[in-house]
């Protein structure tokens, strides 16, 4: 297996470069709004995500996490507000932003009639990387992500975990400064999850930034050093893991308090449930 430091060495990709003291925040969001009909999905949020950190955007289902990440990465135009990624405005300077980010969205659509190796070759060349460099990086990523044995298999025949890993490889191929992942561990088996986790930890250790959404607090607490908590389209808290957790015994406890879910008990209303009865 190759040394994983090669996954984020300064090899001349368009997004190359680690965090330094002079680097702006990885993401700066000001007054971001998004409405779908009568439903307000994101309600005027302000958010500053530091560079070089492993960041979790957490919240219950329907909190607005996916909508926020879609606007931050240029996949969805906001109704109002401003977004900067690595010091560049997402909507005024989209080419510069897209050169610096990698994205693994929820429900990723892939070119399923390509093999894993072909998908990476196509993605790298689409990014403008030299063919030899694409082939070298693809081989390293396939090896590290335990996909080398399936590199000539069509993506349509990949399992959920394999799809997540090949999608991650495509997002990392051009060596981005900031990597955005929407529920990257959803539906992934424990072996694939451990592989993905190892790659992401090595990536952030090199000075890059990972921003990923999740509603699994235990996962976020074990991975992240910086957290933003979102509920009902608003940011309820943001800061280091220790700051957000505060005096609570765990991030889960702090999260439930922040989103107003503490004390919710379905036991009494479901007193008919159980006992093997049919009525």
Protein backbone atom coordinates (compact mmCIF):
# COMPACT_ATOMS: atom_id res chain seq x y z
CA UNK A 1 0.00 0.00 0.00
CA UNK A 2 1.41 3.45 -0.86
CA UNK A 3 2.13 6.07 1.78
CA UNK A 4 -1.12 7.97 2.38
CA UNK A 5 0.80 11.24 2.62
CA UNK A 6 0.67 11.21 -1.16
CA UNK A 7 -3.07 11.85 -1.01
CA UNK A 8 -2.48 15.47 -0.08
CA UNK A 9 1.08 16.30 -1.00
CA UNK A 10 1.71 19.46 -3.00
CA UNK A 11 1.85 17.84 -6.42
CA UNK A 12 0.55 20.73 -8.46
CA UNK A 13 -3.18 19.98 -8.53
CA UNK A 14 -5.48 22.97 -8.84
CA UNK A 15 -6.52 22.83 -5.19
CA UNK A 16 -3.11 22.09 -3.71
CA UNK A 17 -2.02 23.81 -0.57
CA UNK A 18 -2.41 23.36 3.17
CA UNK A 19 -3.64 25.74 5.85
CA UNK A 20 -1.32 28.45 7.13
CA UNK A 21 -1.78 31.32 9.56
CA UNK A 22 -2.66 33.71 6.70
CA UNK A 23 -5.25 31.44 5.10
CA UNK A 24 -8.86 32.73 5.34
CA UNK A 25 -11.60 30.57 6.87
CA UNK A 26 -12.45 27.46 4.90
CA UNK A 27 -16.05 28.69 4.66
CA UNK A 28 -17.69 32.01 5.50
CA UNK A 29 -21.48 32.25 5.25
CA UNK A 30 -23.39 35.50 5.80
CA UNK A 31 -27.18 35.85 5.88
CA UNK A 32 -27.93 32.70 3.90
CA UNK A 33 -31.61 32.05 3.09
CA UNK A 34 -33.41 29.41 1.07
CA UNK A 35 -37.15 28.90 0.71
CA UNK A 36 -39.03 26.16 -1.15
CA UNK A 37 -42.57 27.43 -1.61
CA UNK A 38 -43.91 28.12 1.89
CA UNK A 39 -41.16 26.07 3.53
CA UNK A 40 -38.11 27.94 4.82
CA UNK A 41 -35.23 25.46 4.62
CA UNK A 42 -32.42 27.82 5.68
CA UNK A 43 -33.29 30.92 7.69
CA UNK A 44 -30.58 33.56 7.41
CA UNK A 45 -27.62 31.68 8.86
CA UNK A 46 -24.16 33.07 9.59
CA UNK A 47 -21.36 30.52 9.81
CA UNK A 48 -17.56 30.68 9.87
CA UNK A 49 -15.71 27.37 9.50
CA UNK A 50 -11.95 27.44 10.25
CA UNK A 51 -9.42 26.01 7.83
CA UNK A 52 -7.46 22.86 8.56
CA UNK A 53 -10.10 21.27 10.78
CA UNK A 54 -12.39 18.23 10.76
CA UNK A 55 -15.79 19.90 10.95
CA UNK A 56 -19.18 18.34 11.60
CA UNK A 57 -22.42 20.02 10.53
CA UNK A 58 -24.95 18.21 12.68
CA UNK A 59 -28.70 18.32 13.05
CA UNK A 60 -31.86 16.24 12.95
CA UNK A 61 -33.41 15.17 9.66
CA UNK A 62 -34.92 18.20 7.95
CA UNK A 63 -32.65 20.67 9.76
CA UNK A 64 -31.37 22.18 6.50
CA UNK A 65 -27.92 20.57 6.41
CA UNK A 66 -28.09 19.27 2.84
CA UNK A 67 -29.60 22.53 1.57
CA UNK A 68 -26.84 24.51 3.28
CA UNK A 69 -24.06 22.34 1.87
CA UNK A 70 -25.65 22.51 -1.59
CA UNK A 71 -25.57 26.32 -1.49
CA UNK A 72 -22.05 26.44 -0.04
CA UNK A 73 -20.70 24.23 -2.84
CA UNK A 74 -22.49 26.01 -5.67
CA UNK A 75 -25.02 23.27 -6.39
CA UNK A 76 -28.03 25.36 -5.32
CA UNK A 77 -28.43 29.11 -5.64
CA UNK A 78 -29.49 30.84 -2.40
CA UNK A 79 -32.40 33.28 -2.27
CA UNK A 80 -30.24 35.67 -0.29
CA UNK A 81 -26.85 35.78 1.36
CA UNK A 82 -23.16 35.42 0.61
CA UNK A 83 -20.83 32.41 0.67
CA UNK A 84 -17.03 32.37 0.49
CA UNK A 85 -14.93 29.23 0.26
CA UNK A 86 -11.15 29.56 0.72
CA UNK A 87 -11.50 33.33 0.32
CA UNK A 88 -13.44 33.22 -2.98
CA UNK A 89 -17.10 34.08 -3.51
CA UNK A 90 -18.99 30.95 -4.58
CA UNK A 91 -21.32 32.73 -6.96
CA UNK A 92 -19.07 35.53 -8.25
CA UNK A 93 -15.98 33.38 -8.73
CA UNK A 94 -17.29 29.83 -9.27
CA UNK A 95 -14.33 28.55 -11.31
CA UNK A 96 -11.83 29.42 -8.56
CA UNK A 97 -14.06 27.87 -5.90
CA UNK A 98 -14.69 24.64 -7.78
CA UNK A 99 -10.95 24.22 -8.35
CA UNK A 100 -10.45 24.28 -4.59
CA UNK A 101 -13.22 22.01 -3.37
CA UNK A 102 -14.17 18.36 -3.53
CA UNK A 103 -17.79 17.32 -3.07
CA UNK A 104 -19.43 14.01 -2.18
CA UNK A 105 -23.16 14.84 -2.13
CA UNK A 106 -25.92 12.68 -0.72
CA UNK A 107 -27.43 10.46 -3.41
CA UNK A 108 -24.37 10.87 -5.63
CA UNK A 109 -25.05 10.14 -9.29
CA UNK A 110 -22.10 8.44 -10.98
CA UNK A 111 -21.34 7.40 -14.55
CA UNK A 112 -22.38 3.81 -13.86
CA UNK A 113 -21.32 2.32 -17.19
CA UNK A 114 -17.69 3.22 -16.53
CA UNK A 115 -15.40 1.09 -14.42
CA UNK A 116 -14.01 2.59 -11.23
CA UNK A 117 -10.66 3.19 -12.90
CA UNK A 118 -12.31 4.77 -15.96
CA UNK A 119 -14.42 7.03 -13.74
CA UNK A 120 -11.30 8.40 -12.04
CA UNK A 121 -9.48 8.78 -15.36
CA UNK A 122 -12.42 10.76 -16.76
CA UNK A 123 -12.82 12.89 -13.61
CA UNK A 124 -9.13 13.79 -13.46
CA UNK A 125 -8.92 14.78 -17.10
CA UNK A 126 -12.13 16.78 -16.74
CA UNK A 127 -10.35 18.66 -13.96
CA UNK A 128 -7.49 19.45 -16.36
CA UNK A 129 -4.86 17.26 -14.70
CA UNK A 130 -2.15 15.68 -16.89
CA UNK A 131 -2.96 12.10 -17.85
CA UNK A 132 0.12 10.60 -16.18
CA UNK A 133 -0.64 12.40 -12.93
CA UNK A 134 -4.27 11.26 -13.03
CA UNK A 135 -3.24 7.65 -13.52
CA UNK A 136 -0.74 7.83 -10.65
CA UNK A 137 -3.21 9.41 -8.22
CA UNK A 138 -6.00 7.05 -9.29
CA UNK A 139 -3.83 4.01 -8.62
CA UNK A 140 -2.92 5.32 -5.16
CA UNK A 141 -6.51 6.15 -4.24
CA UNK A 142 -7.84 2.80 -5.47
CA UNK A 143 -5.20 1.03 -3.40
CA UNK A 144 -5.72 3.05 -0.21
CA UNK A 145 -9.52 2.78 -0.46
CA UNK A 146 -9.35 -0.99 -1.03
CA UNK A 147 -10.84 -0.74 -4.53
CA UNK A 148 -7.88 -1.97 -6.55
CA UNK A 149 -9.44 -5.41 -6.96
CA UNK A 150 -12.65 -3.84 -8.33
CA UNK A 151 -11.10 -1.10 -10.45
CA UNK A 152 -12.15 -2.73 -13.75
CA UNK A 153 -15.65 -3.55 -12.50
CA UNK A 154 -18.52 -1.35 -13.70
CA UNK A 155 -19.71 1.16 -11.09
CA UNK A 156 -23.30 -0.05 -11.62
CA UNK A 157 -22.23 -3.30 -9.95
CA UNK A 158 -20.61 -1.60 -6.93
CA UNK A 159 -22.10 -1.97 -3.45
CA UNK A 160 -23.17 1.11 -1.46
CA UNK A 161 -19.87 1.19 0.39
CA UNK A 162 -17.88 0.86 -2.82
CA UNK A 163 -19.87 3.69 -4.41
CA UNK A 164 -19.11 5.95 -1.46
CA UNK A 165 -15.41 5.09 -1.70
CA UNK A 166 -15.15 5.66 -5.47
CA UNK A 167 -17.09 8.92 -5.03
CA UNK A 168 -14.63 9.96 -2.33
CA UNK A 169 -11.72 9.07 -4.61
CA UNK A 170 -13.17 11.26 -7.37
CA UNK A 171 -13.64 14.13 -4.89
CA UNK A 172 -10.02 13.86 -3.68
CA UNK A 173 -8.35 13.31 -7.05
CA UNK A 174 -7.56 16.97 -7.76
CA UNK A 175 -6.19 17.56 -4.23
CA UNK A 176 -8.80 20.07 -2.96
CA UNK A 177 -8.33 22.48 -0.08
CA UNK A 178 -11.81 21.84 1.30
CA UNK A 179 -13.75 18.57 1.07
CA UNK A 180 -17.54 18.59 1.55
CA UNK A 181 -19.26 15.31 2.41
CA UNK A 182 -23.01 14.88 2.91
CA UNK A 183 -23.72 11.85 5.14
CA UNK A 184 -20.59 10.01 3.91
CA UNK A 185 -21.10 7.04 6.27
CA UNK A 186 -24.81 6.51 5.58
CA UNK A 187 -25.43 2.92 4.51
CA UNK A 188 -21.73 2.05 4.62
CA UNK A 189 -20.53 -1.21 6.16
CA UNK A 190 -18.09 -1.01 9.12
CA UNK A 191 -15.04 -2.08 7.07
CA UNK A 192 -15.63 0.57 4.39
CA UNK A 193 -16.43 3.15 7.07
CA UNK A 194 -13.11 2.49 8.79
CA UNK A 195 -11.26 2.83 5.48
CA UNK A 196 -12.99 6.14 4.67
CA UNK A 197 -12.33 7.39 8.17
CA UNK A 198 -8.62 6.65 7.93
CA UNK A 199 -8.28 8.51 4.63
CA UNK A 200 -10.16 11.56 5.96
CA UNK A 201 -8.10 11.72 9.15
CA UNK A 202 -4.87 11.59 7.12
CA UNK A 203 -6.21 14.27 4.77
CA UNK A 204 -7.03 16.74 7.57
CA UNK A 205 -3.71 16.00 9.31
CA UNK A 206 -2.00 17.44 6.21
CA UNK A 207 -3.70 20.82 6.72
CA UNK A 208 -6.79 20.39 4.53
CA UNK A 209 -10.38 20.88 5.72
CA UNK A 210 -13.22 18.36 5.84
CA UNK A 211 -16.82 19.51 6.31
CA UNK A 212 -19.31 16.69 6.66
CA UNK A 213 -22.96 16.51 7.67
CA UNK A 214 -24.38 13.86 9.94
CA UNK A 215 -27.08 13.18 12.48
CA UNK A 216 -25.02 10.51 14.29
CA UNK A 217 -23.53 12.32 17.27
CA UNK A 218 -21.23 9.48 18.36
CA UNK A 219 -19.55 9.52 14.95
CA UNK A 220 -19.13 13.28 14.96
CA UNK A 221 -17.75 13.27 18.51
CA UNK A 222 -15.15 10.65 17.62
CA UNK A 223 -14.03 12.35 14.38
CA UNK A 224 -14.49 16.11 14.62
CA UNK A 225 -12.67 18.87 16.46
CA UNK A 226 -15.13 21.60 15.39
CA UNK A 227 -18.94 21.42 15.24
CA UNK A 228 -21.91 23.47 14.05
CA UNK A 229 -25.35 22.45 15.28
CA UNK A 230 -28.31 23.17 13.00
CA UNK A 231 -32.05 22.84 13.61
CA UNK A 232 -35.11 24.23 11.80
CA UNK A 233 -32.93 26.07 9.30
CA UNK A 234 -30.89 27.94 11.91
CA UNK A 235 -27.47 27.54 13.51
CA UNK A 236 -27.97 26.83 17.23
CA UNK A 237 -24.27 26.61 18.17
CA UNK A 238 -20.85 26.58 16.55
CA UNK A 239 -17.35 26.18 17.89
CA UNK A 240 -14.83 23.60 18.99
CA UNK A 241 -16.19 20.26 20.14
CA UNK A 242 -15.44 21.21 23.75
CA UNK A 243 -17.20 24.58 23.43
CA UNK A 244 -20.36 23.10 21.93
CA UNK A 245 -20.45 20.18 24.36
CA UNK A 246 -19.92 22.50 27.33
CA UNK A 247 -20.73 20.85 30.65
CA UNK A 248 -22.86 18.13 29.03
CA UNK A 249 -21.58 14.56 29.43
CA UNK A 250 -21.58 14.01 25.65
CA UNK A 251 -22.22 15.77 22.36
CA UNK A 252 -25.48 13.80 22.11
CA UNK A 253 -26.72 15.34 25.37
CA UNK A 254 -25.68 18.84 24.32
CA UNK A 255 -27.28 18.36 20.91
CA UNK A 256 -30.63 17.24 22.37
CA UNK A 257 -30.63 20.29 24.62
CA UNK A 258 -29.77 22.66 21.76
CA UNK A 259 -32.50 21.35 19.45
CA UNK A 260 -35.10 21.21 22.23
CA UNK A 261 -35.52 17.44 22.21
CA UNK A 262 -34.69 16.75 25.87
CA UNK A 263 -37.50 15.20 27.87
CA UNK A 264 -39.38 13.92 24.84
CA UNK A 265 -40.83 10.53 25.79
CA UNK A 266 -43.05 8.37 23.62
CA UNK A 267 -43.56 5.77 26.33
CA UNK A 268 -46.87 6.95 27.72
CA UNK A 269 -48.48 7.57 24.32
CA UNK A 270 -47.54 4.04 23.20
CA UNK A 271 -48.77 2.18 26.28
CA UNK A 272 -50.58 -0.27 23.97
CA UNK A 273 -47.32 -1.38 22.33
CA UNK A 274 -45.70 -4.67 23.35
CA UNK A 275 -46.71 -7.85 25.13
CA UNK A 276 -47.23 -9.77 21.88
CA UNK A 277 -50.80 -8.51 21.49
CA UNK A 278 -52.58 -8.01 18.18
CA UNK A 279 -54.94 -5.19 19.15
